[in-house]
Protein backbone atom coordinates (compact mmCIF):
# COMPACT_ATOMS: atom_id res chain seq x y z
CA UNK A 1 114.90 164.81 187.20
CA UNK A 2 113.30 161.59 188.42
CA UNK A 3 115.37 159.80 191.08
CA UNK A 4 115.06 156.02 191.44
CA UNK A 5 115.53 154.02 194.65
CA UNK A 6 116.06 150.31 194.05
CA UNK A 7 113.47 148.57 196.23
CA UNK A 8 113.21 144.79 196.63
CA UNK A 9 110.20 144.75 194.28
CA UNK A 10 112.14 146.60 191.59
CA UNK A 11 115.15 144.30 191.95
CA UNK A 12 112.93 141.19 191.72
CA UNK A 13 111.34 142.45 188.51
CA UNK A 14 114.74 143.26 186.98
CA UNK A 15 115.95 139.76 187.89
CA UNK A 16 112.87 138.14 186.31
CA UNK A 17 113.34 140.13 183.09
CA UNK A 18 117.02 139.18 183.00
CA UNK A 19 116.05 135.50 183.36
CA UNK A 20 113.70 135.80 180.39
CA UNK A 21 116.43 137.55 178.43
CA UNK A 22 118.82 134.68 179.17
CA UNK A 23 116.19 132.10 178.21
CA UNK A 24 115.66 133.79 174.87
CA UNK A 25 119.36 133.41 174.05
CA UNK A 26 118.92 129.64 174.08
CA UNK A 27 116.20 129.81 171.42
CA UNK A 28 117.35 130.08 167.81
CA UNK A 29 114.98 130.86 164.97
CA UNK A 30 115.70 130.83 161.24
CA UNK A 31 116.35 134.32 159.87
CA UNK A 32 113.24 134.24 157.72
CA UNK A 33 111.13 133.55 160.83
CA UNK A 34 112.85 136.32 162.79
CA UNK A 35 112.15 138.78 160.00
CA UNK A 36 108.48 137.79 159.85
CA UNK A 37 108.03 138.08 163.62
CA UNK A 38 109.84 141.43 163.76
CA UNK A 39 107.72 142.94 161.02
CA UNK A 40 104.54 141.71 162.68
CA UNK A 41 105.75 143.07 166.04
CA UNK A 42 106.46 146.51 164.56
CA UNK A 43 102.97 146.60 163.12
CA UNK A 44 101.46 145.69 166.48
CA UNK A 45 103.56 148.35 168.22
CA UNK A 46 102.51 150.98 165.70
CA UNK A 47 98.86 150.16 166.19
CA UNK A 48 99.06 149.97 170.01
CA UNK A 49 101.10 153.14 170.53
CA UNK A 50 98.67 155.18 168.46
CA UNK A 51 95.68 153.52 170.13
CA UNK A 52 96.93 154.91 173.46
CA UNK A 53 96.65 158.39 171.93
CA UNK A 54 93.06 157.77 170.81
CA UNK A 55 93.67 156.71 167.21
CA UNK A 56 90.30 155.26 166.03
CA UNK A 57 91.60 152.66 163.55
CA UNK A 58 91.02 148.97 164.15
CA UNK A 59 94.11 146.76 164.03
CA UNK A 60 93.06 145.46 160.61
CA UNK A 61 92.68 149.02 159.28
CA UNK A 62 96.07 149.97 160.76
CA UNK A 63 97.75 146.98 159.11
CA UNK A 64 96.17 147.85 155.79
CA UNK A 65 97.46 151.44 156.03
CA UNK A 66 100.99 150.22 156.81
CA UNK A 67 100.99 147.86 153.83
CA UNK A 68 99.50 150.34 151.35
CA UNK A 69 101.46 152.03 148.57
CA UNK A 70 103.31 155.04 150.00
CA UNK A 71 102.11 157.22 147.12
CA UNK A 72 98.45 156.80 148.07
CA UNK A 73 96.52 159.41 150.02
CA UNK A 74 96.24 158.74 153.75
CA UNK A 75 93.81 160.03 156.32
CA UNK A 76 95.40 161.44 159.50
CA UNK A 77 94.87 158.25 161.60
CA UNK A 78 96.40 156.16 158.80
CA UNK A 79 99.35 158.52 158.48
CA UNK A 80 99.98 158.29 162.22
CA UNK A 81 100.34 154.50 162.30
CA UNK A 82 102.49 154.56 159.14
CA UNK A 83 104.73 157.22 160.70
CA UNK A 84 105.29 155.11 163.79
CA UNK A 85 106.09 152.03 161.71
CA UNK A 86 108.60 154.00 159.62
CA UNK A 87 110.16 155.45 162.79
CA UNK A 88 110.67 151.91 164.12
CA UNK A 89 112.42 150.98 160.87
CA UNK A 90 114.53 154.14 161.14
CA UNK A 91 115.63 153.30 164.69
CA UNK A 92 116.37 149.73 163.64
CA UNK A 93 118.91 151.14 161.17
CA UNK A 94 120.35 153.51 163.80
CA UNK A 95 120.87 150.55 166.11
CA UNK A 96 123.18 148.89 163.59
CA UNK A 97 125.72 151.68 164.14
CA UNK A 98 124.95 151.91 167.89
CA UNK A 99 124.11 155.60 167.61
CA UNK A 100 123.94 157.13 171.09
CA UNK A 101 120.91 158.99 172.40
CA UNK A 102 121.14 162.67 171.46
CA UNK A 103 118.97 165.71 170.87
CA UNK A 104 119.46 165.24 167.13
CA UNK A 105 118.16 161.67 167.28
CA UNK A 106 115.20 162.77 169.39
CA UNK A 107 114.29 165.52 166.91
CA UNK A 108 114.61 163.15 163.95
CA UNK A 109 112.23 160.66 165.55
CA UNK A 110 109.65 163.32 166.47
CA UNK A 111 109.77 164.69 162.93
CA UNK A 112 109.00 161.21 161.61
CA UNK A 113 106.15 160.78 164.11
CA UNK A 114 104.64 164.09 162.96
CA UNK A 115 105.30 163.66 159.24
CA UNK A 116 102.47 165.31 157.33
CA UNK A 117 101.55 167.65 160.19
CA UNK A 118 101.91 171.44 160.13
CA UNK A 119 105.44 172.85 160.54
CA UNK A 120 104.80 174.27 164.01
CA UNK A 121 104.17 170.75 165.32
CA UNK A 122 107.64 169.56 164.30
CA UNK A 123 110.58 170.36 166.56
CA UNK A 124 110.75 171.82 170.07
CA UNK A 125 107.73 173.86 171.09
CA UNK A 126 108.04 177.62 171.32
CA UNK A 127 106.38 180.48 173.14
CA UNK A 128 102.59 180.50 173.25
CA UNK A 129 100.56 183.57 172.25
CA UNK A 130 99.70 185.97 175.14
CA UNK A 131 96.98 184.57 177.38
CA UNK A 132 97.23 181.02 176.00
CA UNK A 133 98.36 178.24 178.36
CA UNK A 134 100.22 175.30 176.85
CA UNK A 135 98.78 172.25 178.59
CA UNK A 136 97.35 168.78 178.06
CA UNK A 137 93.59 169.28 178.32
CA UNK A 138 90.89 166.81 179.36
CA UNK A 139 88.88 166.01 176.22
CA UNK A 140 85.55 166.10 178.09
CA UNK A 141 85.87 168.85 180.72
CA UNK A 142 88.34 171.03 178.81
CA UNK A 143 90.37 171.52 182.01
CA UNK A 144 94.18 171.22 182.07
CA UNK A 145 95.23 167.68 183.04
CA UNK A 146 98.91 168.47 182.88
CA UNK A 147 100.86 171.74 182.60
CA UNK A 148 104.39 171.00 181.31
CA UNK A 149 107.49 173.10 182.06
CA UNK A 150 107.95 176.48 180.39
CA UNK A 151 109.26 176.21 176.83
CA UNK A 152 112.42 178.09 177.85
CA UNK A 153 113.33 175.31 180.30
CA UNK A 154 112.94 172.50 177.75
CA UNK A 155 116.45 172.61 176.15
CA UNK A 156 118.16 172.50 179.56
CA UNK A 157 115.95 169.64 180.76
CA UNK A 158 116.69 167.64 177.60
CA UNK A 159 120.43 168.26 178.02
CA UNK A 160 120.22 166.89 181.57
CA UNK A 161 118.38 163.80 180.33
CA UNK A 162 120.87 163.17 177.52
CA UNK A 163 123.81 163.56 179.90
CA UNK A 164 122.18 161.13 182.33
CA UNK A 165 121.60 158.48 179.64
CA UNK A 166 125.15 158.70 178.29
CA UNK A 167 126.98 158.77 181.66
CA UNK A 168 124.90 156.81 184.18
CA UNK A 169 125.75 153.33 185.45
CA UNK A 170 122.08 152.57 186.22
CA UNK A 171 120.64 149.29 184.96
CA UNK A 172 119.46 149.61 181.32
CA UNK A 173 115.87 148.86 182.35
CA UNK A 174 115.95 151.78 184.78
CA UNK A 175 117.45 154.04 182.10
CA UNK A 176 114.66 153.16 179.65
CA UNK A 177 112.00 153.78 182.30
CA UNK A 178 113.53 157.15 183.23
CA UNK A 179 113.74 158.21 179.56
CA UNK A 180 110.10 157.28 179.03
CA UNK A 181 108.95 159.27 182.05
CA UNK A 182 111.16 162.30 181.42
CA UNK A 183 110.18 162.73 177.77
CA UNK A 184 106.47 162.46 178.52
CA UNK A 185 106.88 164.84 181.46
CA UNK A 186 109.15 167.42 179.83
CA UNK A 187 106.71 167.36 176.91
CA UNK A 188 109.22 169.04 174.59
CA UNK A 189 106.98 169.09 171.53
CA UNK A 190 103.62 170.53 170.67
CA UNK A 191 102.47 167.08 169.60
CA UNK A 192 103.79 163.51 169.41
CA UNK A 193 105.35 163.45 172.88
CA UNK A 194 103.92 160.11 174.02
CA UNK A 195 104.69 158.30 170.79
CA UNK A 196 108.21 159.76 170.66
CA UNK A 197 108.81 158.79 174.30
CA UNK A 198 107.78 155.19 173.65
CA UNK A 199 109.95 155.00 170.53
CA UNK A 200 113.04 156.43 172.22
CA UNK A 201 112.54 154.33 175.37
CA UNK A 202 112.30 151.26 173.12
CA UNK A 203 115.49 152.31 171.35
CA UNK A 204 117.27 152.54 174.70
CA UNK A 205 116.14 148.99 175.50
CA UNK A 206 117.42 147.80 172.11
CA UNK A 207 120.68 149.74 172.52
CA UNK A 208 121.50 147.95 175.78
CA UNK A 209 120.39 144.51 174.62
CA UNK A 210 116.90 144.45 176.13
CA UNK A 211 114.95 144.63 172.87
CA UNK A 212 114.29 140.86 172.88
CA UNK A 213 115.27 140.48 169.23
CA UNK A 214 112.63 142.98 168.15
CA UNK A 215 109.97 140.32 168.74
CA UNK A 216 106.74 141.18 170.53
CA UNK A 217 105.31 144.58 171.38
CA UNK A 218 105.84 146.37 174.69
CA UNK A 219 103.43 149.08 173.50
CA UNK A 220 100.67 146.47 173.47
CA UNK A 221 101.01 146.10 177.22
CA UNK A 222 100.77 149.85 177.78
CA UNK A 223 97.69 149.91 175.54
CA UNK A 224 95.83 147.16 177.42
CA UNK A 225 94.85 149.71 180.08
CA UNK A 226 95.68 153.29 179.03
CA UNK A 227 94.17 154.64 182.26
CA UNK A 228 96.66 152.65 184.35
CA UNK A 229 99.47 153.72 182.03
CA UNK A 230 98.68 157.42 182.45
CA UNK A 231 97.96 157.10 186.18
CA UNK A 232 101.39 155.48 186.67
CA UNK A 233 103.07 158.33 184.81
CA UNK A 234 101.14 160.96 186.80
CA UNK A 235 101.75 159.26 190.20
CA UNK A 236 98.90 161.20 191.78
CA UNK A 237 100.84 164.48 191.55
CA UNK A 238 99.40 167.95 190.85
CA UNK A 239 98.91 169.00 187.24
CA UNK A 240 101.71 171.60 187.29
CA UNK A 241 105.16 170.27 186.40
CA UNK A 242 106.86 172.45 189.01
CA UNK A 243 104.60 171.06 191.78
CA UNK A 244 106.35 167.71 192.04
CA UNK A 245 106.59 166.14 188.62
CA UNK A 246 110.08 167.55 188.13
CA UNK A 247 111.26 165.31 191.00
CA UNK A 248 108.44 162.92 191.98
CA UNK A 249 108.60 161.73 195.62
CA UNK A 250 107.22 158.27 194.78
CA UNK A 251 109.01 157.41 191.55
CA UNK A 252 108.69 153.69 192.32
CA UNK A 253 105.05 153.92 191.15
CA UNK A 254 106.14 154.47 187.56
CA UNK A 255 109.26 152.28 187.73
CA UNK A 256 107.30 149.31 189.13
CA UNK A 257 104.63 149.71 186.47
CA UNK A 258 107.19 149.95 183.64
CA UNK A 259 109.08 146.88 184.87
CA UNK A 260 105.86 144.91 185.38
CA UNK A 261 104.92 145.55 181.75
CA UNK A 262 108.47 144.61 180.69
CA UNK A 263 108.26 141.36 182.65
CA UNK A 264 104.95 140.40 181.03
CA UNK A 265 106.27 141.39 177.61
CA UNK A 266 109.57 139.50 177.96
CA UNK A 267 107.80 136.35 179.15
CA UNK A 268 105.46 136.51 176.15
CA UNK A 269 108.41 136.90 173.75
CA UNK A 270 110.00 133.72 175.14
CA UNK A 271 106.73 131.82 174.74
CA UNK A 272 106.22 133.16 171.22
CA UNK A 273 109.78 132.29 170.20
CA UNK A 274 109.54 128.76 171.61
CA UNK A 275 106.23 128.16 169.84
CA UNK A 276 107.65 129.54 166.58
CA UNK A 277 110.72 127.33 166.93
CA UNK A 278 108.57 124.22 167.37
CA UNK A 279 106.44 125.22 164.38
CA UNK A 280 109.53 125.84 162.25
CA UNK A 281 111.13 122.55 163.29
CA UNK A 282 107.98 120.59 162.56
CA UNK A 283 107.63 122.31 159.20
CA UNK A 284 111.28 121.96 158.19
CA UNK A 285 111.57 118.34 159.31
CA UNK A 286 108.36 117.41 157.51
CA UNK A 287 110.10 118.14 154.19
CA UNK A 288 112.88 115.62 154.90
CA UNK A 289 112.80 111.90 154.19
CA UNK A 290 114.10 109.34 156.68
CA UNK A 291 117.64 109.21 155.23
CA UNK A 292 117.96 113.01 155.28
CA UNK A 293 116.78 113.12 158.91
CA UNK A 294 119.26 110.38 159.82
CA UNK A 295 122.08 112.40 158.27
CA UNK A 296 121.05 115.51 160.23
CA UNK A 297 120.96 113.53 163.50
CA UNK A 298 124.37 112.02 162.69
CA UNK A 299 125.93 115.43 162.08
CA UNK A 300 124.47 116.87 165.29
CA UNK A 301 125.33 113.91 167.51
CA UNK A 302 128.90 113.81 166.22
CA UNK A 303 129.30 117.59 166.48
CA UNK A 304 130.32 117.89 162.83
CA UNK A 305 129.98 121.67 162.72
CA UNK A 306 131.86 121.87 159.40
CA UNK A 307 132.50 118.99 157.02
CA UNK A 308 133.02 117.92 153.42
CA UNK A 309 130.52 115.55 151.80
CA UNK A 310 133.28 113.09 150.94
CA UNK A 311 134.44 112.63 154.54
CA UNK A 312 130.85 111.93 155.65
CA UNK A 313 130.24 109.58 152.71
CA UNK A 314 133.26 107.48 153.74
CA UNK A 315 132.07 107.24 157.36
CA UNK A 316 128.53 106.29 156.37
CA UNK A 317 129.52 103.98 153.52
CA UNK A 318 127.50 105.74 150.82
CA UNK A 319 128.51 107.64 147.68
CA UNK A 320 129.66 111.24 147.73
CA UNK A 321 126.80 112.20 145.40
CA UNK A 322 124.26 110.73 147.84
CA UNK A 323 125.57 112.94 150.66
CA UNK A 324 125.63 115.99 148.38
CA UNK A 325 121.98 115.44 147.47
CA UNK A 326 120.99 115.04 151.12
CA UNK A 327 122.99 118.14 152.09
CA UNK A 328 121.16 120.14 149.43
CA UNK A 329 117.83 119.21 151.02
CA UNK A 330 119.09 120.05 154.51
CA UNK A 331 120.31 123.41 153.23
CA UNK A 332 116.97 124.31 151.67
CA UNK A 333 115.27 123.65 155.02
CA UNK A 334 117.68 125.76 157.08
CA UNK A 335 119.77 123.07 158.79
CA UNK A 336 123.01 123.51 156.81
CA UNK A 337 124.92 126.44 155.33
CA UNK A 338 127.09 125.87 152.23
CA UNK A 339 130.57 127.44 152.36
CA UNK A 340 131.34 128.65 148.83
CA UNK A 341 134.83 129.28 147.46
CA UNK A 342 135.14 130.58 143.89
CA UNK A 343 131.51 129.74 143.14
CA UNK A 344 131.87 126.14 144.31
CA UNK A 345 130.65 124.57 147.55
CA UNK A 346 133.75 123.37 149.40
CA UNK A 347 132.27 122.50 152.79
CA UNK A 348 128.99 122.63 154.72
CA UNK A 349 128.37 124.00 158.23
CA UNK A 350 125.57 123.25 160.63
CA UNK A 351 123.37 126.36 160.95
CA UNK A 352 122.88 128.11 164.29
CA UNK A 353 119.24 127.07 164.04
CA UNK A 354 120.30 123.41 163.91
CA UNK A 355 122.99 123.69 166.62
CA UNK A 356 120.88 125.63 169.12
CA UNK A 357 117.92 123.28 168.65
CA UNK A 358 119.92 120.04 168.69
CA UNK A 359 117.96 118.39 171.51
CA UNK A 360 114.60 119.18 169.97
CA UNK A 361 115.68 118.03 166.51
CA UNK A 362 117.14 114.74 167.70
CA UNK A 363 114.12 113.99 169.89
CA UNK A 364 111.74 114.63 166.98
CA UNK A 365 113.77 112.45 164.61
CA UNK A 366 113.81 109.44 166.96
């Protein structure tokens, strides 16, 4: 099992990621924008994670495969990116019930990753035929690059990992990094180990609140330089699992790499969210006339989080119908939420999008 010592560099990276996480909490996007960004991010992750494994599709081809009718025939590379995308959707549902990491969850994810493959590639790997070595082979030389643990040791190693995840008080970022390393290193399956490791590690991040709203793609950062990614996982150790990879002496190599990618990723998510917020505000405000903008500014400046049209009409000296019409326009553009009782709108509330972006909205209206 990988052991992690918290160096100053590691602690600095964790602190920087936590700062980005805090910054993101101050940015509120409309739900429709969140959904669009999340879907796009899942598509990017599906493409990037498979690219690491040598999938030949271009990003455009991968996107086309993910959008295509499920009843169509898919080539293997197309099926792989679709499988990853569906596995991300599956884990998104699991997150809603906060399902803990388990062997069952791991097996479900790997089965989704390998959907369409032969039966022997789904589930934990078994004994190899006499004289055949189970290993990860170099595609050019044909020599073993990595020789994982014996198949008989895999269940025990997974049990140790699952117990660690569900009992440790390590920082969530460390847990996710350890899970990523251990699953790639244990190599519990005949195929799909890397993709499954990235999916489960991502789920751990989401589980502990480090998924950054599902926006952006951490896999993209791993895919920028696959050689560095693999070198960080290997840490310069011998090919045989039992010759140091079971308990690497310099685990900070992988941990620092993982956290560096997380820091870059989290910073990008903040930038993307801020840019999207500005775009959404500009777009939503452009649909309002001057009077409607003035009403929005009035509600925000006077902290009228919930109100009835008639009370606002009295304060502004206009008719109730005028305020209702303006509220309807503000609702359509995501600034208000109608509170309905027995099919009638009784009050309106300022949306989270409006409240969390008060300063930006007011400055743009002036």
